[in-house]
Amino acid sequence: VHMISFERATAISRLAATKNDQIEAFVMLQQAAIEYKQALAAKPNCERSLYNWGLNLLLQAKILSQLPDSVQQQILMPNNNNNNNNNNNNNNLTTTHNVQSNVQNIITNLNLQLNQTLINKTKTTKSVIDNIYDQAFEKFERCLRLQSKHYRALARWGVGLMEKARTKNAVTAKQLLRQACEKFNSALTFNAQTFDILYNAANAHLRLATLLLQMVLYPIP
């Protein structure tokens, strides 16, 4: 059961990565997350499932944060009928073909709602994005409990903190970037030769230094 769910989640995630439509990719990533959850239910201490689920959640949060607020609301807070339809579709998910059919149904429902008047729920959607990021960090933390030298989990955690910082004000962004620098520094203690970790570590320190300089030159009232 564990391997079936894990392989299915991996296949769906790879398929999602090929999609140009962000909504379609986001929905498919959610379907993959369901499979990762089932894989971990069968094997709770699976390091690979935790790590891949963390990556999945980071990409979900990144895609969602890049979408217009109105589209975020349509995805996160559809009406009850659409929720029921989506739940039914989730229950029927058994193959990649079913995933694609499910995605198309959801996209159709979203498009039908685009002309409706929306209640401003930006704060709610932002908190949901924050929660997705935090869930990803929790998966990386659990992964590190199983393998303390898992430098990839540390590095991806750092990347997630950097991405989350982009959505925050200067004060919160400063805290997140400092945490990101710590994660990259820890990752580099276990592997100092990986280009992407070195690059992201340098980028995090540069962004933090730039932000601190801006806060000195243009202090917040």
N, C-alpha and C. Protein backbone atom coordinates (compact mmCIF):
# COMPACT_ATOMS: atom_id res chain seq x y z
N VAL A 1 0.83 -1.20 0.00
CA VAL A 1 0.00 0.00 0.00
C VAL A 1 0.87 1.26 0.00
N HIS A 2 1.92 1.20 0.83
CA HIS A 2 2.80 2.35 0.93
C HIS A 2 3.44 2.69 -0.42
N MET A 3 4.03 1.69 -1.08
CA MET A 3 4.72 1.94 -2.33
C MET A 3 3.76 2.35 -3.44
N ILE A 4 2.57 1.77 -3.45
CA ILE A 4 1.59 2.13 -4.47
C ILE A 4 1.21 3.59 -4.34
N SER A 5 0.92 4.03 -3.12
CA SER A 5 0.55 5.43 -2.90
C SER A 5 1.72 6.36 -3.19
N PHE A 6 2.92 5.94 -2.78
CA PHE A 6 4.10 6.78 -3.00
C PHE A 6 4.37 6.95 -4.49
N GLU A 7 4.34 5.86 -5.24
CA GLU A 7 4.60 5.93 -6.68
C GLU A 7 3.51 6.72 -7.39
N ARG A 8 2.27 6.54 -6.95
CA ARG A 8 1.18 7.29 -7.57
C ARG A 8 1.35 8.78 -7.31
N ALA A 9 1.70 9.14 -6.08
CA ALA A 9 1.92 10.55 -5.74
C ALA A 9 3.05 11.15 -6.58
N THR A 10 4.11 10.39 -6.73
CA THR A 10 5.26 10.85 -7.51
C THR A 10 4.87 11.07 -8.97
N ALA A 11 4.09 10.15 -9.52
CA ALA A 11 3.67 10.26 -10.91
C ALA A 11 2.78 11.48 -11.12
N ILE A 12 1.85 11.70 -10.18
CA ILE A 12 0.95 12.85 -10.31
C ILE A 12 1.74 14.15 -10.18
N SER A 13 2.70 14.18 -9.25
CA SER A 13 3.52 15.38 -9.06
C SER A 13 4.33 15.70 -10.31
N ARG A 14 4.89 14.67 -10.93
CA ARG A 14 5.66 14.88 -12.16
C ARG A 14 4.77 15.39 -13.28
N LEU A 15 3.57 14.85 -13.35
CA LEU A 15 2.63 15.30 -14.37
C LEU A 15 2.23 16.76 -14.12
N ALA A 16 2.04 17.11 -12.85
CA ALA A 16 1.68 18.49 -12.50
C ALA A 16 2.77 19.47 -12.92
N ALA A 17 4.03 19.02 -12.81
CA ALA A 17 5.16 19.89 -13.15
C ALA A 17 5.20 20.23 -14.63
N THR A 18 4.51 19.45 -15.45
CA THR A 18 4.51 19.69 -16.90
C THR A 18 3.40 20.64 -17.32
N LYS A 19 2.52 21.00 -16.40
CA LYS A 19 1.35 21.80 -16.75
C LYS A 19 1.69 23.29 -16.76
N ASN A 20 1.22 23.97 -17.80
CA ASN A 20 1.38 25.42 -17.87
C ASN A 20 0.29 26.15 -17.09
N ASP A 21 -0.85 25.50 -16.95
CA ASP A 21 -1.97 26.10 -16.22
C ASP A 21 -1.71 25.92 -14.72
N GLN A 22 -1.55 27.04 -14.01
CA GLN A 22 -1.20 26.96 -12.58
C GLN A 22 -2.32 26.35 -11.75
N ILE A 23 -3.57 26.65 -12.10
CA ILE A 23 -4.68 26.08 -11.35
C ILE A 23 -4.70 24.57 -11.49
N GLU A 24 -4.52 24.11 -12.71
CA GLU A 24 -4.50 22.68 -12.96
C GLU A 24 -3.35 22.01 -12.19
N ALA A 25 -2.18 22.64 -12.23
CA ALA A 25 -1.03 22.09 -11.51
C ALA A 25 -1.29 22.05 -10.01
N PHE A 26 -1.90 23.12 -9.48
CA PHE A 26 -2.17 23.20 -8.04
C PHE A 26 -3.12 22.08 -7.60
N VAL A 27 -4.18 21.89 -8.36
CA VAL A 27 -5.15 20.86 -8.00
C VAL A 27 -4.52 19.47 -8.07
N MET A 28 -3.68 19.24 -9.06
CA MET A 28 -3.02 17.94 -9.17
C MET A 28 -2.05 17.73 -8.00
N LEU A 29 -1.38 18.79 -7.58
CA LEU A 29 -0.49 18.67 -6.42
C LEU A 29 -1.26 18.33 -5.16
N GLN A 30 -2.47 18.86 -5.05
CA GLN A 30 -3.31 18.50 -3.90
C GLN A 30 -3.66 17.02 -3.94
N GLN A 31 -3.95 16.52 -5.14
CA GLN A 31 -4.25 15.10 -5.27
C GLN A 31 -3.03 14.26 -4.90
N ALA A 32 -1.85 14.70 -5.31
CA ALA A 32 -0.63 13.97 -4.96
C ALA A 32 -0.41 13.97 -3.45
N ALA A 33 -0.73 15.10 -2.81
CA ALA A 33 -0.57 15.20 -1.35
C ALA A 33 -1.44 14.18 -0.63
N ILE A 34 -2.62 13.93 -1.17
CA ILE A 34 -3.50 12.91 -0.58
C ILE A 34 -2.83 11.54 -0.63
N GLU A 35 -2.16 11.27 -1.75
CA GLU A 35 -1.47 10.00 -1.89
C GLU A 35 -0.28 9.89 -0.93
N TYR A 36 0.46 11.00 -0.75
CA TYR A 36 1.57 10.98 0.20
C TYR A 36 1.06 10.74 1.62
N LYS A 37 -0.08 11.32 1.93
CA LYS A 37 -0.66 11.11 3.26
C LYS A 37 -1.00 9.63 3.46
N GLN A 38 -1.55 9.01 2.43
CA GLN A 38 -1.88 7.58 2.52
C GLN A 38 -0.62 6.73 2.63
N ALA A 39 0.43 7.15 1.91
CA ALA A 39 1.70 6.41 1.99
C ALA A 39 2.26 6.45 3.40
N LEU A 40 2.17 7.61 4.03
CA LEU A 40 2.69 7.75 5.40
C LEU A 40 1.81 7.06 6.42
N ALA A 41 0.53 6.95 6.12
CA ALA A 41 -0.36 6.22 7.02
C ALA A 41 0.05 4.74 7.06
N ALA A 42 0.52 4.24 5.91
CA ALA A 42 0.96 2.85 5.85
C ALA A 42 2.36 2.68 6.40
N LYS A 43 3.20 3.72 6.27
CA LYS A 43 4.58 3.64 6.75
C LYS A 43 4.97 5.01 7.30
N PRO A 44 4.64 5.28 8.58
CA PRO A 44 4.79 6.63 9.17
C PRO A 44 6.21 7.19 9.15
N ASN A 45 7.22 6.33 9.17
CA ASN A 45 8.60 6.81 9.25
C ASN A 45 9.32 6.74 7.91
N CYS A 46 8.57 6.93 6.84
CA CYS A 46 9.19 6.91 5.51
C CYS A 46 9.78 8.29 5.22
N GLU A 47 11.08 8.33 5.21
CA GLU A 47 11.81 9.59 4.99
C GLU A 47 11.50 10.18 3.62
N ARG A 48 11.43 9.35 2.59
CA ARG A 48 11.19 9.83 1.22
C ARG A 48 9.81 10.44 1.08
N SER A 49 8.81 9.80 1.70
CA SER A 49 7.45 10.33 1.62
C SER A 49 7.35 11.68 2.30
N LEU A 50 7.98 11.81 3.45
CA LEU A 50 7.97 13.09 4.17
C LEU A 50 8.65 14.19 3.35
N TYR A 51 9.81 13.87 2.80
CA TYR A 51 10.56 14.85 2.02
C TYR A 51 9.78 15.28 0.77
N ASN A 52 9.27 14.30 0.03
CA ASN A 52 8.53 14.62 -1.19
C ASN A 52 7.23 15.36 -0.91
N TRP A 53 6.58 15.00 0.19
CA TRP A 53 5.36 15.71 0.57
C TRP A 53 5.70 17.16 0.92
N GLY A 54 6.82 17.37 1.58
CA GLY A 54 7.26 18.73 1.87
C GLY A 54 7.48 19.54 0.60
N LEU A 55 8.15 18.93 -0.38
CA LEU A 55 8.36 19.60 -1.67
C LEU A 55 7.03 19.93 -2.33
N ASN A 56 6.12 18.97 -2.27
CA ASN A 56 4.78 19.17 -2.85
C ASN A 56 4.09 20.37 -2.22
N LEU A 57 4.14 20.48 -0.92
CA LEU A 57 3.48 21.58 -0.22
C LEU A 57 4.14 22.92 -0.53
N LEU A 58 5.46 22.92 -0.65
CA LEU A 58 6.15 24.17 -1.01
C LEU A 58 5.68 24.67 -2.37
N LEU A 59 5.54 23.76 -3.32
CA LEU A 59 5.11 24.15 -4.65
C LEU A 59 3.65 24.61 -4.64
N GLN A 60 2.82 23.94 -3.84
CA GLN A 60 1.43 24.40 -3.70
C GLN A 60 1.38 25.83 -3.20
N ALA A 61 2.13 26.12 -2.15
CA ALA A 61 2.13 27.46 -1.56
C ALA A 61 2.66 28.49 -2.54
N LYS A 62 3.71 28.14 -3.27
CA LYS A 62 4.31 29.07 -4.24
C LYS A 62 3.33 29.40 -5.35
N ILE A 63 2.68 28.36 -5.91
CA ILE A 63 1.70 28.59 -6.98
C ILE A 63 0.55 29.44 -6.48
N LEU A 64 0.04 29.09 -5.30
CA LEU A 64 -1.13 29.80 -4.76
C LEU A 64 -0.81 31.27 -4.50
N SER A 65 0.39 31.54 -4.00
CA SER A 65 0.76 32.92 -3.69
C SER A 65 0.93 33.77 -4.95
N GLN A 66 1.15 33.13 -6.09
CA GLN A 66 1.33 33.85 -7.35
C GLN A 66 0.03 34.11 -8.08
N LEU A 67 -1.04 33.47 -7.65
CA LEU A 67 -2.34 33.65 -8.31
C LEU A 67 -3.02 34.92 -7.81
N PRO A 68 -3.85 35.55 -8.64
CA PRO A 68 -4.63 36.72 -8.18
C PRO A 68 -5.50 36.35 -6.98
N ASP A 69 -5.77 37.33 -6.13
CA ASP A 69 -6.56 37.07 -4.92
C ASP A 69 -7.91 36.43 -5.24
N SER A 70 -8.56 36.91 -6.30
CA SER A 70 -9.89 36.38 -6.63
C SER A 70 -9.82 34.89 -6.98
N VAL A 71 -8.76 34.49 -7.68
CA VAL A 71 -8.61 33.08 -8.05
C VAL A 71 -8.26 32.25 -6.81
N GLN A 72 -7.44 32.81 -5.92
CA GLN A 72 -7.12 32.12 -4.67
C GLN A 72 -8.41 31.80 -3.91
N GLN A 73 -9.30 32.78 -3.86
CA GLN A 73 -10.55 32.59 -3.13
C GLN A 73 -11.42 31.53 -3.78
N GLN A 74 -11.42 31.50 -5.12
CA GLN A 74 -12.21 30.50 -5.81
C GLN A 74 -11.70 29.09 -5.50
N ILE A 75 -10.38 28.96 -5.41
CA ILE A 75 -9.79 27.64 -5.15
C ILE A 75 -9.98 27.21 -3.70
N LEU A 76 -9.74 28.15 -2.78
CA LEU A 76 -9.72 27.80 -1.36
C LEU A 76 -11.09 27.82 -0.72
N MET A 77 -12.00 28.64 -1.25
CA MET A 77 -13.31 28.78 -0.61
C MET A 77 -14.44 28.68 -1.62
N PRO A 78 -14.51 27.57 -2.37
CA PRO A 78 -15.62 27.41 -3.29
C PRO A 78 -16.91 27.17 -2.53
N ASN A 79 -18.07 27.22 -3.24
CA ASN A 79 -19.34 27.01 -2.53
C ASN A 79 -19.49 25.55 -2.14
N ASN A 80 -20.49 25.29 -1.34
CA ASN A 80 -20.66 23.94 -0.78
C ASN A 80 -20.87 22.89 -1.86
N ASN A 81 -21.60 23.25 -2.93
CA ASN A 81 -21.84 22.28 -3.99
C ASN A 81 -20.54 21.86 -4.65
N ASN A 82 -19.66 22.83 -4.87
CA ASN A 82 -18.39 22.48 -5.49
C ASN A 82 -17.54 21.65 -4.56
N ASN A 83 -17.62 21.94 -3.26
CA ASN A 83 -16.87 21.15 -2.30
C ASN A 83 -17.32 19.69 -2.35
N ASN A 84 -18.65 19.50 -2.42
CA ASN A 84 -19.17 18.14 -2.48
C ASN A 84 -18.70 17.43 -3.74
N ASN A 85 -18.74 18.16 -4.88
CA ASN A 85 -18.30 17.57 -6.13
C ASN A 85 -16.83 17.21 -6.07
N ASN A 86 -16.02 18.10 -5.49
CA ASN A 86 -14.58 17.84 -5.41
C ASN A 86 -14.29 16.64 -4.52
N ASN A 87 -15.04 16.53 -3.40
CA ASN A 87 -14.84 15.39 -2.51
C ASN A 87 -15.17 14.09 -3.20
N ASN A 88 -16.27 14.10 -3.99
CA ASN A 88 -16.63 12.90 -4.71
C ASN A 88 -15.56 12.53 -5.72
N ASN A 89 -15.03 13.56 -6.39
CA ASN A 89 -13.98 13.30 -7.37
C ASN A 89 -12.73 12.73 -6.69
N ASN A 90 -12.41 13.28 -5.50
CA ASN A 90 -11.23 12.78 -4.78
C ASN A 90 -11.38 11.32 -4.43
N ASN A 91 -12.61 10.94 -4.03
CA ASN A 91 -12.84 9.56 -3.63
C ASN A 91 -12.72 8.61 -4.82
N ASN A 92 -12.96 9.14 -6.02
CA ASN A 92 -12.92 8.29 -7.20
C ASN A 92 -11.55 8.25 -7.86
N LEU A 93 -10.57 8.92 -7.25
CA LEU A 93 -9.24 8.99 -7.85
C LEU A 93 -8.53 7.64 -7.74
N THR A 94 -8.29 7.02 -8.89
CA THR A 94 -7.54 5.76 -8.88
C THR A 94 -6.43 5.75 -9.92
N THR A 95 -6.55 6.54 -10.96
CA THR A 95 -5.54 6.55 -12.02
C THR A 95 -5.25 7.96 -12.44
N THR A 96 -4.17 8.13 -13.21
CA THR A 96 -3.82 9.46 -13.72
C THR A 96 -4.94 10.01 -14.58
N HIS A 97 -5.63 9.14 -15.33
CA HIS A 97 -6.75 9.60 -16.15
C HIS A 97 -7.83 10.21 -15.27
N ASN A 98 -8.12 9.58 -14.14
CA ASN A 98 -9.11 10.12 -13.22
C ASN A 98 -8.67 11.45 -12.66
N VAL A 99 -7.36 11.59 -12.38
CA VAL A 99 -6.84 12.86 -11.90
C VAL A 99 -7.12 13.96 -12.90
N GLN A 100 -6.82 13.69 -14.18
CA GLN A 100 -7.02 14.69 -15.20
C GLN A 100 -8.49 15.06 -15.34
N SER A 101 -9.38 14.06 -15.27
CA SER A 101 -10.81 14.33 -15.34
C SER A 101 -11.26 15.18 -14.16
N ASN A 102 -10.74 14.84 -12.97
CA ASN A 102 -11.07 15.59 -11.76
C ASN A 102 -10.64 17.03 -11.88
N VAL A 103 -9.40 17.23 -12.37
CA VAL A 103 -8.87 18.59 -12.55
C VAL A 103 -9.75 19.38 -13.50
N GLN A 104 -10.14 18.76 -14.63
CA GLN A 104 -10.95 19.46 -15.61
C GLN A 104 -12.29 19.88 -15.02
N ASN A 105 -12.89 19.00 -14.21
CA ASN A 105 -14.16 19.34 -13.57
C ASN A 105 -14.01 20.52 -12.63
N ILE A 106 -12.91 20.53 -11.85
CA ILE A 106 -12.68 21.62 -10.91
C ILE A 106 -12.45 22.92 -11.65
N ILE A 107 -11.64 22.88 -12.72
CA ILE A 107 -11.37 24.09 -13.49
C ILE A 107 -12.65 24.63 -14.10
N THR A 108 -13.50 23.73 -14.61
CA THR A 108 -14.78 24.16 -15.18
C THR A 108 -15.62 24.86 -14.13
N ASN A 109 -15.69 24.28 -12.93
CA ASN A 109 -16.46 24.89 -11.85
C ASN A 109 -15.90 26.27 -11.48
N LEU A 110 -14.57 26.38 -11.46
CA LEU A 110 -13.94 27.66 -11.14
C LEU A 110 -14.27 28.70 -12.19
N ASN A 111 -14.19 28.31 -13.46
CA ASN A 111 -14.45 29.26 -14.54
C ASN A 111 -15.89 29.75 -14.51
N LEU A 112 -16.81 28.89 -14.09
CA LEU A 112 -18.21 29.29 -14.02
C LEU A 112 -18.45 30.34 -12.94
N GLN A 113 -17.55 30.41 -11.97
CA GLN A 113 -17.73 31.33 -10.85
C GLN A 113 -17.00 32.66 -11.03
N LEU A 114 -16.14 32.76 -12.03
CA LEU A 114 -15.24 33.90 -12.12
C LEU A 114 -15.96 35.25 -12.22
N ASN A 115 -17.19 35.26 -12.76
CA ASN A 115 -17.91 36.51 -12.93
C ASN A 115 -18.78 36.87 -11.72
N GLN A 116 -18.76 36.04 -10.69
CA GLN A 116 -19.57 36.31 -9.51
C GLN A 116 -18.88 37.33 -8.62
N THR A 117 -19.69 38.08 -7.85
CA THR A 117 -19.13 39.03 -6.89
C THR A 117 -18.51 38.27 -5.73
N LEU A 118 -17.26 38.65 -5.40
CA LEU A 118 -16.53 37.94 -4.34
C LEU A 118 -16.46 38.79 -3.08
N ILE A 119 -16.60 38.13 -1.95
CA ILE A 119 -16.36 38.80 -0.67
C ILE A 119 -14.86 38.85 -0.45
N ASN A 120 -14.39 39.99 0.03
CA ASN A 120 -12.95 40.14 0.21
C ASN A 120 -12.49 39.27 1.38
N LYS A 121 -11.76 38.19 1.04
CA LYS A 121 -11.28 37.27 2.06
C LYS A 121 -9.76 37.11 1.96
N THR A 122 -9.10 38.20 1.59
CA THR A 122 -7.66 38.13 1.36
C THR A 122 -6.91 37.64 2.59
N LYS A 123 -7.28 38.15 3.78
CA LYS A 123 -6.56 37.76 4.99
C LYS A 123 -6.69 36.26 5.23
N THR A 124 -7.88 35.73 4.92
CA THR A 124 -8.10 34.30 5.11
C THR A 124 -7.23 33.49 4.16
N THR A 125 -7.20 33.89 2.88
CA THR A 125 -6.40 33.15 1.92
C THR A 125 -4.92 33.23 2.25
N LYS A 126 -4.46 34.39 2.73
CA LYS A 126 -3.05 34.52 3.10
C LYS A 126 -2.71 33.60 4.26
N SER A 127 -3.63 33.47 5.19
CA SER A 127 -3.37 32.58 6.33
C SER A 127 -3.32 31.13 5.88
N VAL A 128 -4.12 30.78 4.86
CA VAL A 128 -4.08 29.42 4.32
C VAL A 128 -2.73 29.15 3.66
N ILE A 129 -2.23 30.13 2.91
CA ILE A 129 -0.91 29.98 2.28
C ILE A 129 0.16 29.81 3.35
N ASP A 130 0.08 30.61 4.40
CA ASP A 130 1.03 30.47 5.51
C ASP A 130 0.97 29.07 6.10
N ASN A 131 -0.24 28.56 6.24
CA ASN A 131 -0.43 27.24 6.82
C ASN A 131 0.18 26.15 5.94
N ILE A 132 0.06 26.31 4.62
CA ILE A 132 0.66 25.34 3.69
C ILE A 132 2.17 25.35 3.83
N TYR A 133 2.75 26.56 3.89
CA TYR A 133 4.20 26.65 4.11
C TYR A 133 4.59 25.96 5.42
N ASP A 134 3.83 26.22 6.48
CA ASP A 134 4.16 25.65 7.78
C ASP A 134 4.03 24.13 7.78
N GLN A 135 3.06 23.62 7.03
CA GLN A 135 2.94 22.16 6.90
C GLN A 135 4.17 21.57 6.21
N ALA A 136 4.66 22.27 5.19
CA ALA A 136 5.87 21.81 4.50
C ALA A 136 7.05 21.78 5.46
N PHE A 137 7.19 22.84 6.25
CA PHE A 137 8.31 22.90 7.21
C PHE A 137 8.21 21.77 8.22
N GLU A 138 6.97 21.45 8.62
CA GLU A 138 6.78 20.37 9.59
C GLU A 138 7.21 19.02 9.00
N LYS A 139 6.96 18.83 7.69
CA LYS A 139 7.39 17.58 7.04
C LYS A 139 8.91 17.49 7.01
N PHE A 140 9.58 18.61 6.71
CA PHE A 140 11.04 18.61 6.69
C PHE A 140 11.61 18.37 8.09
N GLU A 141 10.94 18.94 9.10
CA GLU A 141 11.38 18.73 10.48
C GLU A 141 11.28 17.26 10.86
N ARG A 142 10.19 16.61 10.49
CA ARG A 142 10.02 15.19 10.78
C ARG A 142 11.06 14.36 10.02
N CYS A 143 11.35 14.79 8.80
CA CYS A 143 12.36 14.10 8.01
C CYS A 143 13.72 14.16 8.69
N LEU A 144 14.02 15.32 9.26
CA LEU A 144 15.31 15.52 9.94
C LEU A 144 15.39 14.75 11.25
N ARG A 145 14.25 14.49 11.88
CA ARG A 145 14.26 13.66 13.08
C ARG A 145 14.68 12.24 12.74
N LEU A 146 14.31 11.80 11.53
CA LEU A 146 14.67 10.46 11.10
C LEU A 146 16.11 10.40 10.58
N GLN A 147 16.54 11.49 9.95
CA GLN A 147 17.90 11.55 9.39
C GLN A 147 18.44 12.96 9.61
N SER A 148 19.19 13.12 10.69
CA SER A 148 19.63 14.46 11.11
C SER A 148 20.55 15.13 10.10
N LYS A 149 21.17 14.33 9.22
CA LYS A 149 22.10 14.90 8.23
C LYS A 149 21.45 15.03 6.84
N HIS A 150 20.14 15.08 6.82
CA HIS A 150 19.42 15.20 5.55
C HIS A 150 19.53 16.65 5.07
N TYR A 151 20.64 16.95 4.39
CA TYR A 151 20.92 18.33 4.00
C TYR A 151 19.93 18.85 2.97
N ARG A 152 19.35 17.96 2.17
CA ARG A 152 18.35 18.40 1.20
C ARG A 152 17.10 18.94 1.89
N ALA A 153 16.68 18.29 2.96
CA ALA A 153 15.52 18.77 3.71
C ALA A 153 15.80 20.13 4.32
N LEU A 154 17.01 20.30 4.87
CA LEU A 154 17.41 21.60 5.42
C LEU A 154 17.41 22.68 4.35
N ALA A 155 17.96 22.33 3.18
CA ALA A 155 18.05 23.31 2.09
C ALA A 155 16.68 23.70 1.57
N ARG A 156 15.80 22.72 1.40
CA ARG A 156 14.45 23.02 0.92
C ARG A 156 13.65 23.81 1.95
N TRP A 157 13.89 23.53 3.19
CA TRP A 157 13.28 24.31 4.27
C TRP A 157 13.72 25.77 4.14
N GLY A 158 15.00 25.97 3.88
CA GLY A 158 15.51 27.32 3.68
C GLY A 158 14.87 28.01 2.48
N VAL A 159 14.72 27.28 1.40
CA VAL A 159 14.08 27.84 0.20
C VAL A 159 12.64 28.25 0.52
N GLY A 160 11.94 27.39 1.25
CA GLY A 160 10.56 27.71 1.62
C GLY A 160 10.46 28.96 2.48
N LEU A 161 11.38 29.11 3.40
CA LEU A 161 11.40 30.32 4.24
C LEU A 161 11.65 31.57 3.41
N MET A 162 12.53 31.45 2.40
CA MET A 162 12.78 32.58 1.50
C MET A 162 11.54 32.94 0.70
N GLU A 163 10.84 31.92 0.22
CA GLU A 163 9.63 32.17 -0.57
C GLU A 163 8.54 32.79 0.31
N LYS A 164 8.41 32.27 1.51
CA LYS A 164 7.40 32.82 2.43
C LYS A 164 7.72 34.27 2.76
N ALA A 165 9.01 34.61 2.87
CA ALA A 165 9.42 35.97 3.20
C ALA A 165 8.95 36.97 2.15
N ARG A 166 8.83 36.52 0.90
CA ARG A 166 8.39 37.42 -0.17
C ARG A 166 6.97 37.92 0.03
N THR A 167 6.19 37.18 0.82
CA THR A 167 4.78 37.54 1.01
C THR A 167 4.56 38.37 2.28
N LYS A 168 5.67 38.72 2.98
CA LYS A 168 5.55 39.35 4.28
C LYS A 168 6.10 40.78 4.29
N ASN A 169 5.75 41.50 5.36
CA ASN A 169 6.30 42.84 5.54
C ASN A 169 7.77 42.73 5.97
N ALA A 170 8.44 43.87 6.05
CA ALA A 170 9.88 43.87 6.27
C ALA A 170 10.28 43.20 7.59
N VAL A 171 9.53 43.46 8.65
CA VAL A 171 9.89 42.92 9.96
C VAL A 171 9.80 41.39 9.97
N THR A 172 8.69 40.87 9.44
CA THR A 172 8.52 39.42 9.40
C THR A 172 9.48 38.78 8.41
N ALA A 173 9.68 39.45 7.27
CA ALA A 173 10.60 38.93 6.25
C ALA A 173 12.01 38.81 6.81
N LYS A 174 12.42 39.78 7.63
CA LYS A 174 13.75 39.73 8.24
C LYS A 174 13.90 38.47 9.09
N GLN A 175 12.90 38.16 9.89
CA GLN A 175 12.96 36.97 10.74
C GLN A 175 13.03 35.69 9.90
N LEU A 176 12.22 35.65 8.84
CA LEU A 176 12.19 34.46 7.99
C LEU A 176 13.51 34.27 7.24
N LEU A 177 14.08 35.37 6.76
CA LEU A 177 15.35 35.28 6.04
C LEU A 177 16.49 34.85 6.97
N ARG A 178 16.45 35.30 8.20
CA ARG A 178 17.46 34.85 9.17
C ARG A 178 17.34 33.35 9.41
N GLN A 179 16.10 32.87 9.52
CA GLN A 179 15.90 31.43 9.69
C GLN A 179 16.39 30.67 8.46
N ALA A 180 16.12 31.24 7.27
CA ALA A 180 16.57 30.60 6.03
C ALA A 180 18.09 30.48 6.01
N CYS A 181 18.79 31.55 6.40
CA CYS A 181 20.25 31.52 6.45
C CYS A 181 20.75 30.43 7.39
N GLU A 182 20.07 30.26 8.52
CA GLU A 182 20.45 29.22 9.47
C GLU A 182 20.29 27.83 8.86
N LYS A 183 19.18 27.62 8.11
CA LYS A 183 18.94 26.31 7.49
C LYS A 183 20.01 26.01 6.44
N PHE A 184 20.33 27.02 5.62
CA PHE A 184 21.35 26.80 4.60
C PHE A 184 22.72 26.55 5.23
N ASN A 185 23.03 27.29 6.27
CA ASN A 185 24.31 27.08 6.96
C ASN A 185 24.40 25.67 7.52
N SER A 186 23.29 25.19 8.09
CA SER A 186 23.28 23.82 8.62
C SER A 186 23.45 22.80 7.50
N ALA A 187 22.76 23.05 6.36
CA ALA A 187 22.87 22.14 5.22
C ALA A 187 24.31 22.07 4.72
N LEU A 188 24.97 23.21 4.71
CA LEU A 188 26.34 23.28 4.19
C LEU A 188 27.34 22.58 5.11
N THR A 189 27.00 22.42 6.37
CA THR A 189 27.89 21.68 7.26
C THR A 189 27.95 20.20 6.89
N PHE A 190 26.87 19.71 6.25
CA PHE A 190 26.82 18.31 5.84
C PHE A 190 27.22 18.12 4.39
N ASN A 191 27.04 19.17 3.58
CA ASN A 191 27.43 19.08 2.18
C ASN A 191 27.74 20.48 1.68
N ALA A 192 29.00 20.79 1.54
CA ALA A 192 29.43 22.13 1.14
C ALA A 192 29.76 22.23 -0.34
N GLN A 193 29.46 21.17 -1.11
CA GLN A 193 29.87 21.14 -2.51
C GLN A 193 28.70 21.23 -3.48
N THR A 194 27.48 21.32 -2.97
CA THR A 194 26.31 21.31 -3.85
C THR A 194 26.00 22.73 -4.32
N PHE A 195 26.00 22.93 -5.63
CA PHE A 195 25.90 24.27 -6.19
C PHE A 195 24.61 24.98 -5.79
N ASP A 196 23.46 24.28 -5.90
CA ASP A 196 22.18 24.96 -5.63
C ASP A 196 22.07 25.40 -4.18
N ILE A 197 22.65 24.62 -3.26
CA ILE A 197 22.62 25.02 -1.85
C ILE A 197 23.52 26.23 -1.62
N LEU A 198 24.69 26.21 -2.23
CA LEU A 198 25.59 27.36 -2.12
C LEU A 198 24.95 28.62 -2.70
N TYR A 199 24.33 28.46 -3.85
CA TYR A 199 23.68 29.60 -4.51
C TYR A 199 22.55 30.15 -3.65
N ASN A 200 21.68 29.28 -3.16
CA ASN A 200 20.54 29.73 -2.35
C ASN A 200 21.00 30.33 -1.03
N ALA A 201 22.06 29.78 -0.45
CA ALA A 201 22.60 30.34 0.79
C ALA A 201 23.11 31.76 0.56
N ALA A 202 23.86 31.95 -0.53
CA ALA A 202 24.36 33.28 -0.86
C ALA A 202 23.21 34.25 -1.12
N ASN A 203 22.19 33.76 -1.83
CA ASN A 203 21.03 34.60 -2.14
C ASN A 203 20.29 35.01 -0.87
N ALA A 204 20.14 34.07 0.06
CA ALA A 204 19.45 34.38 1.32
C ALA A 204 20.21 35.43 2.12
N HIS A 205 21.53 35.29 2.22
CA HIS A 205 22.33 36.27 2.95
C HIS A 205 22.29 37.63 2.26
N LEU A 206 22.31 37.63 0.94
CA LEU A 206 22.24 38.90 0.19
C LEU A 206 20.90 39.58 0.39
N ARG A 207 19.83 38.82 0.32
CA ARG A 207 18.50 39.40 0.52
C ARG A 207 18.35 39.95 1.93
N LEU A 208 18.88 39.23 2.91
CA LEU A 208 18.81 39.70 4.29
C LEU A 208 19.60 40.99 4.47
N ALA A 209 20.81 41.03 3.91
CA ALA A 209 21.64 42.23 4.02
C ALA A 209 20.97 43.42 3.34
N THR A 210 20.38 43.17 2.18
CA THR A 210 19.69 44.25 1.45
C THR A 210 18.50 44.77 2.24
N LEU A 211 17.74 43.84 2.82
CA LEU A 211 16.57 44.23 3.61
C LEU A 211 16.98 45.03 4.84
N LEU A 212 18.03 44.60 5.53
CA LEU A 212 18.49 45.32 6.72
C LEU A 212 18.95 46.73 6.35
N LEU A 213 19.62 46.85 5.22
CA LEU A 213 20.06 48.17 4.76
C LEU A 213 18.87 49.06 4.45
N GLN A 214 17.86 48.51 3.79
CA GLN A 214 16.66 49.27 3.47
C GLN A 214 15.93 49.72 4.72
N MET A 215 15.92 48.86 5.73
CA MET A 215 15.24 49.20 6.98
C MET A 215 15.97 50.32 7.73
N VAL A 216 17.30 50.40 7.53
CA VAL A 216 18.07 51.49 8.14
C VAL A 216 17.85 52.79 7.37
N LEU A 217 17.89 52.69 6.04
CA LEU A 217 17.76 53.90 5.21
C LEU A 217 16.33 54.43 5.17
N TYR A 218 15.38 53.50 5.21
CA TYR A 218 13.97 53.89 5.14
C TYR A 218 13.21 53.24 6.28
N PRO A 219 13.44 53.72 7.50
CA PRO A 219 12.81 53.10 8.68
C PRO A 219 11.29 53.16 8.62
N ILE A 220 10.68 52.10 9.13
CA ILE A 220 9.21 52.05 9.18
C ILE A 220 8.74 53.00 10.27
N PRO A 221 7.77 53.89 9.95
CA PRO A 221 7.28 54.86 10.96
C PRO A 221 6.72 54.16 12.19
